[in-house]
C-alpha atoms as a PDB file:
ATOM      1  CA  MET A   1       0.000   0.000   0.000  1.00  0.00           C
ATOM      2  CA  THR A   2       1.063   3.605  -0.612  1.00  0.00           C
ATOM      3  CA  TYR A   3      -1.488   5.218   1.696  1.00  0.00           C
ATOM      4  CA  SER A   4       0.427   7.872   3.628  1.00  0.00           C
ATOM      5  CA  GLY A   5      -1.528   7.394   6.852  1.00  0.00           C
ATOM      6  CA  GLU A   6      -2.786   9.882   9.361  1.00  0.00           C
ATOM      7  CA  ARG A   7      -0.587  12.997   9.314  1.00  0.00           C
ATOM      8  CA  GLY A   8       1.697  11.284   6.812  1.00  0.00           C
ATOM      9  CA  GLN A   9       3.379   8.933   9.275  1.00  0.00           C
ATOM     10  CA  ARG A  10       3.804   6.154   6.687  1.00  0.00           C
ATOM     11  CA  LEU A  11       5.423   8.626   4.311  1.00  0.00           C
ATOM     12  CA  VAL A  12       7.943   9.494   7.030  1.00  0.00           C
ATOM     13  CA  GLU A  13       8.508   5.797   7.768  1.00  0.00           C
ATOM     14  CA  ASP A  14       9.250   4.995   4.113  1.00  0.00           C
ATOM     15  CA  ILE A  15      11.697   7.892   3.794  1.00  0.00           C
ATOM     16  CA  ASN A  16      13.464   6.729   6.957  1.00  0.00           C
ATOM     17  CA  LYS A  17      13.545   3.180   5.615  1.00  0.00           C
ATOM     18  CA  ALA A  18      15.244   4.348   2.419  1.00  0.00           C
ATOM     19  CA  GLY A  19      18.070   5.726   4.596  1.00  0.00           C
ATOM     20  CA  PHE A  20      19.264   8.441   2.199  1.00  0.00           C
ATOM     21  CA  TYR A  21      19.710  11.608   4.301  1.00  0.00           C
ATOM     22  CA  PRO A  22      16.258  10.888   5.759  1.00  0.00           C
ATOM     23  CA  GLN A  23      15.865  13.968   7.944  1.00  0.00           C
ATOM     24  CA  LEU A  24      16.885  16.247   5.086  1.00  0.00           C
ATOM     25  CA  VAL A  25      14.432  14.571   2.710  1.00  0.00           C
ATOM     26  CA  ILE A  26      11.613  14.665   5.284  1.00  0.00           C
ATOM     27  CA  ASP A  27      12.146  18.362   5.945  1.00  0.00           C
ATOM     28  CA  VAL A  28      12.255  19.203   2.232  1.00  0.00           C
ATOM     29  CA  VAL A  29       9.072  17.237   1.506  1.00  0.00           C
ATOM     30  CA  GLN A  30       7.151  18.692   4.435  1.00  0.00           C
ATOM     31  CA  ASP A  31       8.232  22.220   3.576  1.00  0.00           C
ATOM     32  CA  SER A  32       7.230  21.801  -0.056  1.00  0.00           C
ATOM     33  CA  LEU A  33       3.822  20.357   0.822  1.00  0.00           C
ATOM     34  CA  ASP A  34       3.081  23.731   2.438  1.00  0.00           C
ATOM     35  CA  GLY A  35       0.507  22.381   4.878  1.00  0.00           C
ATOM     36  CA  ARG A  36      -1.249  19.995   2.493  1.00  0.00           C
ATOM     37  CA  SER A  37      -2.071  16.548   3.853  1.00  0.00           C
ATOM     38  CA  PRO A  38      -0.345  13.645   2.035  1.00  0.00           C
ATOM     39  CA  VAL A  39      -2.734  10.976   0.776  1.00  0.00           C
ATOM     40  CA  SER A  40      -0.563   8.546  -1.197  1.00  0.00           C
ATOM     41  CA  HIS A  41       3.155   8.402  -1.925  1.00  0.00           C
ATOM     42  CA  LEU A  42       5.959   6.563  -3.678  1.00  0.00           C
ATOM     43  CA  VAL A  43       9.574   6.583  -2.454  1.00  0.00           C
ATOM     44  CA  GLN A  44      12.255   5.333  -4.854  1.00  0.00           C
ATOM     45  CA  LEU A  45      15.965   5.056  -3.985  1.00  0.00           C
ATOM     46  CA  GLU A  46      18.370   4.319  -6.836  1.00  0.00           C
ATOM     47  CA  THR A  47      22.093   3.576  -6.879  1.00  0.00           C
ATOM     48  CA  HIS A  48      24.404   4.080  -9.870  1.00  0.00           C
ATOM     49  CA  ILE A  49      28.039   3.009 -10.147  1.00  0.00           C
ATOM     50  CA  ASP A  50      30.237   5.225 -12.326  1.00  0.00           C
ATOM     51  CA  ARG A  51      33.716   3.696 -12.564  1.00  0.00           C
ATOM     52  CA  THR A  52      35.080   4.162  -9.038  1.00  0.00           C
ATOM     53  CA  GLU A  53      32.223   6.309  -7.748  1.00  0.00           C
ATOM     54  CA  VAL A  54      28.888   5.272  -6.306  1.00  0.00           C
ATOM     55  CA  HIS A  55      26.020   7.702  -6.720  1.00  0.00           C
ATOM     56  CA  ARG A  56      22.654   7.475  -5.015  1.00  0.00           C
ATOM     57  CA  HIS A  57      19.560   9.572  -5.426  1.00  0.00           C
ATOM     58  CA  ILE A  58      16.040   9.471  -4.089  1.00  0.00           C
ATOM     59  CA  THR A  59      12.742  10.488  -5.654  1.00  0.00           C
ATOM     60  CA  VAL A  60       9.620  11.048  -3.560  1.00  0.00           C
ATOM     61  CA  LEU A  61       6.216  11.417  -5.203  1.00  0.00           C
ATOM     62  CA  VAL A  62       3.418  12.603  -2.926  1.00  0.00           C
ATOM     63  CA  LEU A  63      -0.226  12.924  -3.870  1.00  0.00           C
ATOM     64  CA  ALA A  64      -1.521  15.598  -1.506  1.00  0.00           C
ATOM     65  CA  GLU A  65      -5.057  16.931  -1.778  1.00  0.00           C
ATOM     66  CA  ASP A  66      -5.169  18.692  -5.162  1.00  0.00           C
ATOM     67  CA  VAL A  67      -1.500  18.397  -6.204  1.00  0.00           C
ATOM     68  CA  LEU A  68       1.254  15.945  -7.045  1.00  0.00           C
ATOM     69  CA  HIS A  69       4.484  16.906  -5.335  1.00  0.00           C
ATOM     70  CA  VAL A  70       7.855  15.710  -6.650  1.00  0.00           C
ATOM     71  CA  THR A  71      11.070  15.824  -4.621  1.00  0.00           C
ATOM     72  CA  HIS A  72      14.438  14.670  -5.933  1.00  0.00           C
ATOM     73  CA  VAL A  73      17.647  14.609  -3.877  1.00  0.00           C
ATOM     74  CA  ASP A  74      21.079  13.382  -4.934  1.00  0.00           C
ATOM     75  CA  ASP A  75      24.584  13.849  -3.579  1.00  0.00           C
ATOM     76  CA  GLU A  76      27.842  14.827  -5.216  1.00  0.00           C
ATOM     77  CA  GLU A  77      31.411  14.373  -4.037  1.00  0.00           C
ATOM     78  CA  PHE A  78      33.723  17.375  -4.251  1.00  0.00           C
ATOM     79  CA  ASP A  79      36.982  15.484  -3.745  1.00  0.00           C
ATOM     80  CA  GLU A  80      38.425  12.021  -4.346  1.00  0.00           C
ATOM     81  CA  SER A  81      38.288  11.112  -0.663  1.00  0.00           C
ATOM     82  CA  GLY A  82      34.535  11.683  -0.565  1.00  0.00           C
ATOM     83  CA  ARG A  83      34.751  13.753   2.607  1.00  0.00           C
ATOM     84  CA  ASP A  84      33.234  16.854   1.015  1.00  0.00           C
ATOM     85  CA  VAL A  85      29.723  16.104  -0.189  1.00  0.00           C
ATOM     86  CA  VAL A  86      26.874  18.356  -1.257  1.00  0.00           C
ATOM     87  CA  ALA A  87      23.204  17.403  -1.590  1.00  0.00           C
ATOM     88  CA  ARG A  88      21.337  18.687  -4.642  1.00  0.00           C
ATOM     89  CA  VAL A  89      17.628  19.191  -4.036  1.00  0.00           C
ATOM     90  CA  SER A  90      14.869  19.916  -6.535  1.00  0.00           C
ATOM     91  CA  THR A  91      11.129  20.130  -5.926  1.00  0.00           C
ATOM     92  CA  GLU A  92       8.109  20.602  -8.151  1.00  0.00           C
ATOM     93  CA  THR A  93       4.403  20.856  -7.415  1.00  0.00           C
ATOM     94  CA  VAL A  94       1.908  19.984 -10.146  1.00  0.00           C
ATOM     95  CA  GLY A  95      -1.851  20.431 -10.034  1.00  0.00           C
ATOM     96  CA  ILE A  96      -3.652  17.109 -10.488  1.00  0.00           C
ATOM     97  CA  SER A  97      -5.755  18.622 -13.261  1.00  0.00           C
ATOM     98  CA  GLN A  98      -2.559  19.466 -15.192  1.00  0.00           C
ATOM     99  CA  ILE A  99      -1.398  15.846 -15.430  1.00  0.00           C
ATOM    100  CA  ARG A 100      -1.712  14.673 -19.033  1.00  0.00           C
ATOM    101  CA  SER A 101      -0.963  10.985 -18.653  1.00  0.00           C
ATOM    102  CA  VAL A 102       0.030   8.288 -16.174  1.00  0.00           C
ATOM    103  CA  THR A 103       1.728   5.387 -17.964  1.00  0.00           C
ATOM    104  CA  LEU A 104       2.532   2.094 -16.259  1.00  0.00           C
ATOM    105  CA  SER A 105       4.603  -0.497 -18.147  1.00  0.00           C
ATOM    106  CA  TYR A 106       4.945  -4.089 -16.901  1.00  0.00           C
ATOM    107  CA  SER A 107       7.510  -6.849 -17.372  1.00  0.00           C
ATOM    108  CA  TYR A 108       6.812 -10.518 -16.729  1.00  0.00           C
ATOM    109  CA  TYR A 109       9.500 -13.189 -16.506  1.00  0.00           C
ATOM    110  CA  GLN A 110       8.821 -16.300 -18.613  1.00  0.00           C
ATOM    111  CA  PRO A 111       5.424 -15.174 -19.974  1.00  0.00           C
ATOM    112  CA  ALA A 112       4.782 -18.644 -21.427  1.00  0.00           C
ATOM    113  CA  ASN A 113       4.328 -19.816 -17.834  1.00  0.00           C
ATOM    114  CA  TYR A 114       2.068 -16.926 -16.870  1.00  0.00           C
ATOM    115  CA  ARG A 115      -0.716 -17.523 -14.358  1.00  0.00           C
ATOM    116  CA  PRO A 116      -3.073 -15.019 -12.687  1.00  0.00           C
ATOM    117  CA  ASP A 117      -0.882 -15.063  -9.579  1.00  0.00           C
ATOM    118  CA  SER A 118       2.415 -14.685 -11.455  1.00  0.00           C
ATOM    119  CA  PRO A 119       4.490 -11.844  -9.975  1.00  0.00           C
ATOM    120  CA  ILE A 120       5.505  -8.827 -12.014  1.00  0.00           C
ATOM    121  CA  SER A 121       9.276  -8.652 -12.436  1.00  0.00           C
ATOM    122  CA  GLU A 122       9.364  -4.861 -12.840  1.00  0.00           C
ATOM    123  CA  VAL A 123       7.249  -1.822 -13.586  1.00  0.00           C
ATOM    124  CA  THR A 124       8.071   1.536 -15.149  1.00  0.00           C
ATOM    125  CA  LEU A 125       5.964   4.520 -14.111  1.00  0.00           C
ATOM    126  CA  ALA A 126       5.961   7.557 -16.413  1.00  0.00           C
ATOM    127  CA  ILE A 127       4.034  10.742 -15.621  1.00  0.00           C
ATOM    128  CA  ALA A 128       3.652  13.666 -18.013  1.00  0.00           C
ATOM    129  CA  TRP A 129       2.286  17.134 -17.315  1.00  0.00           C
ATOM    130  CA  THR A 130       4.201  19.610 -19.493  1.00  0.00           C
ATOM    131  CA  GLY A 131       4.121  17.625 -22.726  1.00  0.00           C
ATOM    132  CA  THR A 132       7.923  17.565 -22.879  1.00  0.00           C
ATOM    133  CA  LEU A 133       9.044  15.220 -25.652  1.00  0.00           C
ATOM    134  CA  HIS A 134      12.017  12.984 -24.823  1.00  0.00           C
ATOM    135  CA  VAL A 135      13.737  11.504 -27.876  1.00  0.00           C
ATOM    136  CA  ASP A 136      16.284   8.658 -27.841  1.00  0.00           C
ATOM    137  CA  LEU A 137      18.149   8.293 -31.135  1.00  0.00           C
ATOM    138  CA  ALA A 138      20.668   5.777 -32.485  1.00  0.00           C
ATOM    139  CA  PRO A 139      22.180   5.191 -35.948  1.00  0.00           C
ATOM    140  CA  ALA A 140      19.859   3.139 -38.140  1.00  0.00           C
ATOM    141  CA  LEU A 141      21.210  -0.120 -39.544  1.00  0.00           C
ATOM    142  CA  CYS A 142      20.235  -2.394 -42.402  1.00  0.00           C
ATOM    143  CA  ASP A 143      20.301  -6.182 -42.810  1.00  0.00           C
ATOM    144  CA  ASP A 144      23.534  -6.170 -44.826  1.00  0.00           C
ATOM    145  CA  PRO A 145      26.504  -6.466 -42.401  1.00  0.00           C
ATOM    146  CA  GLN A 146      28.854  -5.156 -45.120  1.00  0.00           C
ATOM    147  CA  CYS A 147      26.805  -2.042 -45.842  1.00  0.00           C
ATOM    148  CA  GLN A 148      28.629   1.250 -45.250  1.00  0.00           C
ATOM    149  CA  ALA A 149      25.798   3.553 -46.291  1.00  0.00           C
ATOM    150  CA  ASP A 150      24.334   6.183 -44.005  1.00  0.00           C
ATOM    151  CA  HIS A 151      20.804   5.113 -43.098  1.00  0.00           C
ATOM    152  CA  GLY A 152      20.080   8.068 -40.870  1.00  0.00           C
ATOM    153  CA  TYR A 153      18.773   7.613 -37.347  1.00  0.00           C
ATOM    154  CA  THR A 154      16.066   5.677 -35.612  1.00  0.00           C
ATOM    155  CA  GLY A 155      14.720   5.895 -32.100  1.00  0.00           C
ATOM    156  CA  THR A 156      11.781   6.424 -29.832  1.00  0.00           C
ATOM    157  CA  ALA A 157       9.895   9.476 -28.620  1.00  0.00           C
ATOM    158  CA  ALA A 158       7.781   9.727 -25.491  1.00  0.00           C
ATOM    159  CA  ARG A 159       6.056  12.534 -23.640  1.00  0.00           C
ATOM    160  CA  GLU A 160       7.163  12.236 -20.027  1.00  0.00           C
ATOM    161  CA  ASP A 161       8.326  14.475 -17.198  1.00  0.00           C
ATOM    162  CA  ILE A 162       9.363  11.800 -14.732  1.00  0.00           C
ATOM    163  CA  VAL A 163      10.121   8.103 -15.134  1.00  0.00           C
ATOM    164  CA  LEU A 164      10.691   5.625 -12.308  1.00  0.00           C
ATOM    165  CA  ARG A 165      11.695   1.981 -12.731  1.00  0.00           C
ATOM    166  CA  ILE A 166      10.883  -0.376  -9.864  1.00  0.00           C
ATOM    167  CA  SER A 167      12.305  -3.898 -10.009  1.00  0.00           C
ATOM    168  CA  SER A 168      11.145  -6.854  -7.971  1.00  0.00           C
ATOM    169  CA  GLU A 169      14.702  -8.192  -7.856  1.00  0.00           C
ATOM    170  CA  ALA A 170      16.289  -4.915  -6.715  1.00  0.00           C
ATOM    171  CA  ASP A 171      13.463  -3.290  -4.740  1.00  0.00           C
ATOM    172  CA  GLY A 172      11.289  -6.231  -3.716  1.00  0.00           C
ATOM    173  CA  PRO A 173       7.794  -7.395  -4.715  1.00  0.00           C
ATOM    174  CA  ALA A 174       6.148  -5.039  -2.207  1.00  0.00           C
ATOM    175  CA  ALA A 175       7.768  -2.024  -3.901  1.00  0.00           C
ATOM    176  CA  VAL A 176       6.457  -3.155  -7.298  1.00  0.00           C
ATOM    177  CA  GLU A 177       2.928  -3.530  -5.955  1.00  0.00           C
ATOM    178  CA  GLY A 178       3.237  -0.199  -4.164  1.00  0.00           C
ATOM    179  CA  ALA A 179       4.133   1.527  -7.451  1.00  0.00           C
ATOM    180  CA  ARG A 180       1.089  -0.032  -9.121  1.00  0.00           C
ATOM    181  CA  GLU A 181      -1.183   1.119  -6.303  1.00  0.00           C
ATOM    182  CA  PHE A 182       0.229   4.652  -6.416  1.00  0.00           C
ATOM    183  CA  ALA A 183      -0.321   4.795 -10.181  1.00  0.00           C
ATOM    184  CA  ARG A 184      -3.937   3.627  -9.808  1.00  0.00           C
ATOM    185  CA  THR A 185      -4.619   6.219  -7.095  1.00  0.00           C
ATOM    186  CA  LEU A 186      -3.065   8.989  -9.179  1.00  0.00           C
ATOM    187  CA  ARG A 187      -5.120   7.986 -12.216  1.00  0.00           C
ATOM    188  CA  ARG A 188      -8.351   8.031 -10.240  1.00  0.00           C
ATOM    189  CA  ALA A 189      -7.517  11.443  -8.812  1.00  0.00           C
ATOM    190  CA  ASN A 190      -6.684  12.774 -12.262  1.00  0.00           C
ATOM    191  CA  LEU A 191      -9.665  11.347 -14.135  1.00  0.00           C
ATOM    192  CA  SER A 192     -12.499  11.640 -11.606  1.00  0.00           C
ATOM    193  CA  PRO A 193     -14.520  14.863 -11.537  1.00  0.00           C
ATOM    194  CA  LEU A 194     -14.292  16.869  -8.345  1.00  0.00           C
ATOM    195  CA  THR A 195     -17.884  15.993  -7.492  1.00  0.00           C
ATOM    196  CA  ASP A 196     -17.273  12.252  -7.796  1.00  0.00           C
ATOM    197  CA  GLY A 197     -16.217  12.294  -4.232  1.00  0.00           C
ATOM    198  CA  ALA A 198     -15.364   9.751  -1.709  1.00  0.00           C
ATOM    199  CA  GLN A 199     -14.340   6.571  -3.454  1.00  0.00           C
ATOM    200  CA  ILE A 200     -11.331   7.484  -5.596  1.00  0.00           C
ATOM    201  CA  ALA A 201      -9.035   5.249  -3.584  1.00  0.00           C
ATOM    202  CA  GLN A 202     -11.192   2.170  -4.119  1.00  0.00           C
ATOM    203  CA  PRO A 203     -10.756  -0.299  -7.018  1.00  0.00           C
ATOM    204  CA  ALA A 204     -13.136   0.412  -9.871  1.00  0.00           C
ATOM    205  CA  HIS A 205     -15.012  -2.906  -9.503  1.00  0.00           C
ATOM    206  CA  GLY A 206     -15.758  -2.165  -5.846  1.00  0.00           C
ATOM    207  CA  ARG A 207     -17.166   1.310  -6.188  1.00  0.00           C
ATOM    208  CA  VAL A 208     -20.756   2.258  -5.483  1.00  0.00           C
ATOM    209  CA  PRO A 209     -22.156   4.795  -7.969  1.00  0.00           C
ATOM    210  CA  ALA A 210     -22.164   8.253  -6.468  1.00  0.00           C
ATOM    211  CA  PRO A 211     -25.613   9.780  -5.907  1.00  0.00           C
ATOM    212  CA  ARG A 212     -26.735  12.501  -8.231  1.00  0.00           C
ATOM    213  CA  ARG A 213     -26.039  15.979  -6.961  1.00  0.00           C
ATOM    214  CA  GLY A 214     -28.412  18.859  -7.430  1.00  0.00           C
ATOM    215  CA  PRO A 215     -27.309  21.940  -9.342  1.00  0.00           C
ATOM    216  CA  THR A 216     -26.754  23.822  -6.089  1.00  0.00           C
ATOM    217  CA  ALA A 217     -24.388  21.229  -4.567  1.00  0.00           C
ATOM    218  CA  THR A 218     -21.012  22.655  -3.606  1.00  0.00           C
ATOM    219  CA  PRO A 219     -18.169  20.656  -5.247  1.00  0.00           C
ATOM    220  CA  ARG A 220     -15.350  19.431  -3.077  1.00  0.00           C
ATOM    221  CA  THR A 221     -12.013  20.946  -3.909  1.00  0.00           C
ATOM    222  CA  ARG A 222      -9.641  18.924  -1.734  1.00  0.00           C
ATOM    223  CA  PHE A 223      -8.462  15.472  -2.742  1.00  0.00           C
ATOM    224  CA  THR A 224      -8.025  14.484   0.908  1.00  0.00           C
ATOM    225  CA  ASP A 225     -11.780  14.762   1.407  1.00  0.00           C
ATOM    226  CA  ARG A 226     -12.470  12.748  -1.723  1.00  0.00           C
ATOM    227  CA  PHE A 227     -10.014  10.046  -0.666  1.00  0.00           C
ATOM    228  CA  THR A 228     -11.269   9.583   2.881  1.00  0.00           C
ATOM    229  CA  GLY A 229     -14.907  10.319   2.224  1.00  0.00           C
ATOM    230  CA  ARG A 230     -14.935  13.173   4.723  1.00  0.00           C
ATOM    231  CA  ASP A 231     -16.319  16.426   3.432  1.00  0.00           C
ATOM    232  CA  GLY A 232     -14.089  19.109   4.836  1.00  0.00           C
ATOM    233  CA  GLY A 233     -15.801  21.842   2.907  1.00  0.00           C
ATOM    234  CA  PRO A 234     -14.167  24.162   0.430  1.00  0.00           C
ATOM    235  CA  ALA A 235     -10.392  24.601   0.407  1.00  0.00           C
ATOM    236  CA  ARG A 236      -9.082  27.276   2.696  1.00  0.00           C
END
Protein backbone atom coordinates (compact mmCIF):
# COMPACT_ATOMS: atom_id res chain seq x y z
CA MET A 1 0.00 0.00 0.00
CA THR A 2 1.06 3.60 -0.61
CA TYR A 3 -1.49 5.22 1.70
CA SER A 4 0.43 7.87 3.63
CA GLY A 5 -1.53 7.39 6.85
CA GLU A 6 -2.79 9.88 9.36
CA ARG A 7 -0.59 13.00 9.31
CA GLY A 8 1.70 11.28 6.81
CA GLN A 9 3.38 8.93 9.27
CA ARG A 10 3.80 6.15 6.69
CA LEU A 11 5.42 8.63 4.31
CA VAL A 12 7.94 9.49 7.03
CA GLU A 13 8.51 5.80 7.77
CA ASP A 14 9.25 5.00 4.11
CA ILE A 15 11.70 7.89 3.79
CA ASN A 16 13.46 6.73 6.96
CA LYS A 17 13.55 3.18 5.61
CA ALA A 18 15.24 4.35 2.42
CA GLY A 19 18.07 5.73 4.60
CA PHE A 20 19.26 8.44 2.20
CA TYR A 21 19.71 11.61 4.30
CA PRO A 22 16.26 10.89 5.76
CA GLN A 23 15.86 13.97 7.94
CA LEU A 24 16.89 16.25 5.09
CA VAL A 25 14.43 14.57 2.71
CA ILE A 26 11.61 14.67 5.28
CA ASP A 27 12.15 18.36 5.94
CA VAL A 28 12.26 19.20 2.23
CA VAL A 29 9.07 17.24 1.51
CA GLN A 30 7.15 18.69 4.44
CA ASP A 31 8.23 22.22 3.58
CA SER A 32 7.23 21.80 -0.06
CA LEU A 33 3.82 20.36 0.82
CA ASP A 34 3.08 23.73 2.44
CA GLY A 35 0.51 22.38 4.88
CA ARG A 36 -1.25 19.99 2.49
CA SER A 37 -2.07 16.55 3.85
CA PRO A 38 -0.34 13.65 2.04
CA VAL A 39 -2.73 10.98 0.78
CA SER A 40 -0.56 8.55 -1.20
CA HIS A 41 3.16 8.40 -1.93
CA LEU A 42 5.96 6.56 -3.68
CA VAL A 43 9.57 6.58 -2.45
CA GLN A 44 12.26 5.33 -4.85
CA LEU A 45 15.97 5.06 -3.99
CA GLU A 46 18.37 4.32 -6.84
CA THR A 47 22.09 3.58 -6.88
CA HIS A 48 24.40 4.08 -9.87
CA ILE A 49 28.04 3.01 -10.15
CA ASP A 50 30.24 5.23 -12.33
CA ARG A 51 33.72 3.70 -12.56
CA THR A 52 35.08 4.16 -9.04
CA GLU A 53 32.22 6.31 -7.75
CA VAL A 54 28.89 5.27 -6.31
CA HIS A 55 26.02 7.70 -6.72
CA ARG A 56 22.65 7.48 -5.01
CA HIS A 57 19.56 9.57 -5.43
CA ILE A 58 16.04 9.47 -4.09
CA THR A 59 12.74 10.49 -5.65
CA VAL A 60 9.62 11.05 -3.56
CA LEU A 61 6.22 11.42 -5.20
CA VAL A 62 3.42 12.60 -2.93
CA LEU A 63 -0.23 12.92 -3.87
CA ALA A 64 -1.52 15.60 -1.51
CA GLU A 65 -5.06 16.93 -1.78
CA ASP A 66 -5.17 18.69 -5.16
CA VAL A 67 -1.50 18.40 -6.20
CA LEU A 68 1.25 15.95 -7.04
CA HIS A 69 4.48 16.91 -5.34
CA VAL A 70 7.86 15.71 -6.65
CA THR A 71 11.07 15.82 -4.62
CA HIS A 72 14.44 14.67 -5.93
CA VAL A 73 17.65 14.61 -3.88
CA ASP A 74 21.08 13.38 -4.93
CA ASP A 75 24.58 13.85 -3.58
CA GLU A 76 27.84 14.83 -5.22
CA GLU A 77 31.41 14.37 -4.04
CA PHE A 78 33.72 17.38 -4.25
CA ASP A 79 36.98 15.48 -3.74
CA GLU A 80 38.43 12.02 -4.35
CA SER A 81 38.29 11.11 -0.66
CA GLY A 82 34.53 11.68 -0.56
CA ARG A 83 34.75 13.75 2.61
CA ASP A 84 33.23 16.85 1.01
CA VAL A 85 29.72 16.10 -0.19
CA VAL A 86 26.87 18.36 -1.26
CA ALA A 87 23.20 17.40 -1.59
CA ARG A 88 21.34 18.69 -4.64
CA VAL A 89 17.63 19.19 -4.04
CA SER A 90 14.87 19.92 -6.54
CA THR A 91 11.13 20.13 -5.93
CA GLU A 92 8.11 20.60 -8.15
CA THR A 93 4.40 20.86 -7.41
CA VAL A 94 1.91 19.98 -10.15
CA GLY A 95 -1.85 20.43 -10.03
CA ILE A 96 -3.65 17.11 -10.49
CA SER A 97 -5.75 18.62 -13.26
CA GLN A 98 -2.56 19.47 -15.19
CA ILE A 99 -1.40 15.85 -15.43
CA ARG A 100 -1.71 14.67 -19.03
CA SER A 101 -0.96 10.99 -18.65
CA VAL A 102 0.03 8.29 -16.17
CA THR A 103 1.73 5.39 -17.96
CA LEU A 104 2.53 2.09 -16.26
CA SER A 105 4.60 -0.50 -18.15
CA TYR A 106 4.95 -4.09 -16.90
CA SER A 107 7.51 -6.85 -17.37
CA TYR A 108 6.81 -10.52 -16.73
CA TYR A 109 9.50 -13.19 -16.51
CA GLN A 110 8.82 -16.30 -18.61
CA PRO A 111 5.42 -15.17 -19.97
CA ALA A 112 4.78 -18.64 -21.43
CA ASN A 113 4.33 -19.82 -17.83
CA TYR A 114 2.07 -16.93 -16.87
CA ARG A 115 -0.72 -17.52 -14.36
CA PRO A 116 -3.07 -15.02 -12.69
CA ASP A 117 -0.88 -15.06 -9.58
CA SER A 118 2.42 -14.69 -11.46
CA PRO A 119 4.49 -11.84 -9.98
CA ILE A 120 5.50 -8.83 -12.01
CA SER A 121 9.28 -8.65 -12.44
CA GLU A 122 9.36 -4.86 -12.84
CA VAL A 123 7.25 -1.82 -13.59
CA THR A 124 8.07 1.54 -15.15
CA LEU A 125 5.96 4.52 -14.11
CA ALA A 126 5.96 7.56 -16.41
CA ILE A 127 4.03 10.74 -15.62
CA ALA A 128 3.65 13.67 -18.01
CA TRP A 129 2.29 17.13 -17.31
CA THR A 130 4.20 19.61 -19.49
CA GLY A 131 4.12 17.62 -22.73
CA THR A 132 7.92 17.57 -22.88
CA LEU A 133 9.04 15.22 -25.65
CA HIS A 134 12.02 12.98 -24.82
CA VAL A 135 13.74 11.50 -27.88
CA ASP A 136 16.28 8.66 -27.84
CA LEU A 137 18.15 8.29 -31.13
CA ALA A 138 20.67 5.78 -32.49
CA PRO A 139 22.18 5.19 -35.95
CA ALA A 140 19.86 3.14 -38.14
CA LEU A 141 21.21 -0.12 -39.54
CA CYS A 142 20.23 -2.39 -42.40
CA ASP A 143 20.30 -6.18 -42.81
CA ASP A 144 23.53 -6.17 -44.83
CA PRO A 145 26.50 -6.47 -42.40
CA GLN A 146 28.85 -5.16 -45.12
CA CYS A 147 26.81 -2.04 -45.84
CA GLN A 148 28.63 1.25 -45.25
CA ALA A 149 25.80 3.55 -46.29
CA ASP A 150 24.33 6.18 -44.00
CA HIS A 151 20.80 5.11 -43.10
CA GLY A 152 20.08 8.07 -40.87
CA TYR A 153 18.77 7.61 -37.35
CA THR A 154 16.07 5.68 -35.61
CA GLY A 155 14.72 5.89 -32.10
CA THR A 156 11.78 6.42 -29.83
CA ALA A 157 9.89 9.48 -28.62
CA ALA A 158 7.78 9.73 -25.49
CA ARG A 159 6.06 12.53 -23.64
CA GLU A 160 7.16 12.24 -20.03
CA ASP A 161 8.33 14.47 -17.20
CA ILE A 162 9.36 11.80 -14.73
CA VAL A 163 10.12 8.10 -15.13
CA LEU A 164 10.69 5.63 -12.31
CA ARG A 165 11.69 1.98 -12.73
CA ILE A 166 10.88 -0.38 -9.86
CA SER A 167 12.31 -3.90 -10.01
CA SER A 168 11.14 -6.85 -7.97
CA GLU A 169 14.70 -8.19 -7.86
CA ALA A 170 16.29 -4.92 -6.72
CA ASP A 171 13.46 -3.29 -4.74
CA GLY A 172 11.29 -6.23 -3.72
CA PRO A 173 7.79 -7.40 -4.71
CA ALA A 174 6.15 -5.04 -2.21
CA ALA A 175 7.77 -2.02 -3.90
CA VAL A 176 6.46 -3.15 -7.30
CA GLU A 177 2.93 -3.53 -5.96
CA GLY A 178 3.24 -0.20 -4.16
CA ALA A 179 4.13 1.53 -7.45
CA ARG A 180 1.09 -0.03 -9.12
CA GLU A 181 -1.18 1.12 -6.30
CA PHE A 182 0.23 4.65 -6.42
CA ALA A 183 -0.32 4.80 -10.18
CA ARG A 184 -3.94 3.63 -9.81
CA THR A 185 -4.62 6.22 -7.09
CA LEU A 186 -3.07 8.99 -9.18
CA ARG A 187 -5.12 7.99 -12.22
CA ARG A 188 -8.35 8.03 -10.24
CA ALA A 189 -7.52 11.44 -8.81
CA ASN A 190 -6.68 12.77 -12.26
CA LEU A 191 -9.66 11.35 -14.14
CA SER A 192 -12.50 11.64 -11.61
CA PRO A 193 -14.52 14.86 -11.54
CA LEU A 194 -14.29 16.87 -8.35
CA THR A 195 -17.88 15.99 -7.49
CA ASP A 196 -17.27 12.25 -7.80
CA GLY A 197 -16.22 12.29 -4.23
CA ALA A 198 -15.36 9.75 -1.71
CA GLN A 199 -14.34 6.57 -3.45
CA ILE A 200 -11.33 7.48 -5.60
CA ALA A 201 -9.03 5.25 -3.58
CA GLN A 202 -11.19 2.17 -4.12
CA PRO A 203 -10.76 -0.30 -7.02
CA ALA A 204 -13.14 0.41 -9.87
CA HIS A 205 -15.01 -2.91 -9.50
CA GLY A 206 -15.76 -2.16 -5.85
CA ARG A 207 -17.17 1.31 -6.19
CA VAL A 208 -20.76 2.26 -5.48
CA PRO A 209 -22.16 4.80 -7.97
CA ALA A 210 -22.16 8.25 -6.47
CA PRO A 211 -25.61 9.78 -5.91
CA ARG A 212 -26.74 12.50 -8.23
CA ARG A 213 -26.04 15.98 -6.96
CA GLY A 214 -28.41 18.86 -7.43
CA PRO A 215 -27.31 21.94 -9.34
CA THR A 216 -26.75 23.82 -6.09
CA ALA A 217 -24.39 21.23 -4.57
CA THR A 218 -21.01 22.65 -3.61
CA PRO A 219 -18.17 20.66 -5.25
CA ARG A 220 -15.35 19.43 -3.08
CA THR A 221 -12.01 20.95 -3.91
CA ARG A 222 -9.64 18.92 -1.73
CA PHE A 223 -8.46 15.47 -2.74
CA THR A 224 -8.02 14.48 0.91
CA ASP A 225 -11.78 14.76 1.41
CA ARG A 226 -12.47 12.75 -1.72
CA PHE A 227 -10.01 10.05 -0.67
CA THR A 228 -11.27 9.58 2.88
CA GLY A 229 -14.91 10.32 2.22
CA ARG A 230 -14.94 13.17 4.72
CA ASP A 231 -16.32 16.43 3.43
CA GLY A 232 -14.09 19.11 4.84
CA GLY A 233 -15.80 21.84 2.91
CA PRO A 234 -14.17 24.16 0.43
CA ALA A 235 -10.39 24.60 0.41
CA ARG A 236 -9.08 27.28 2.70
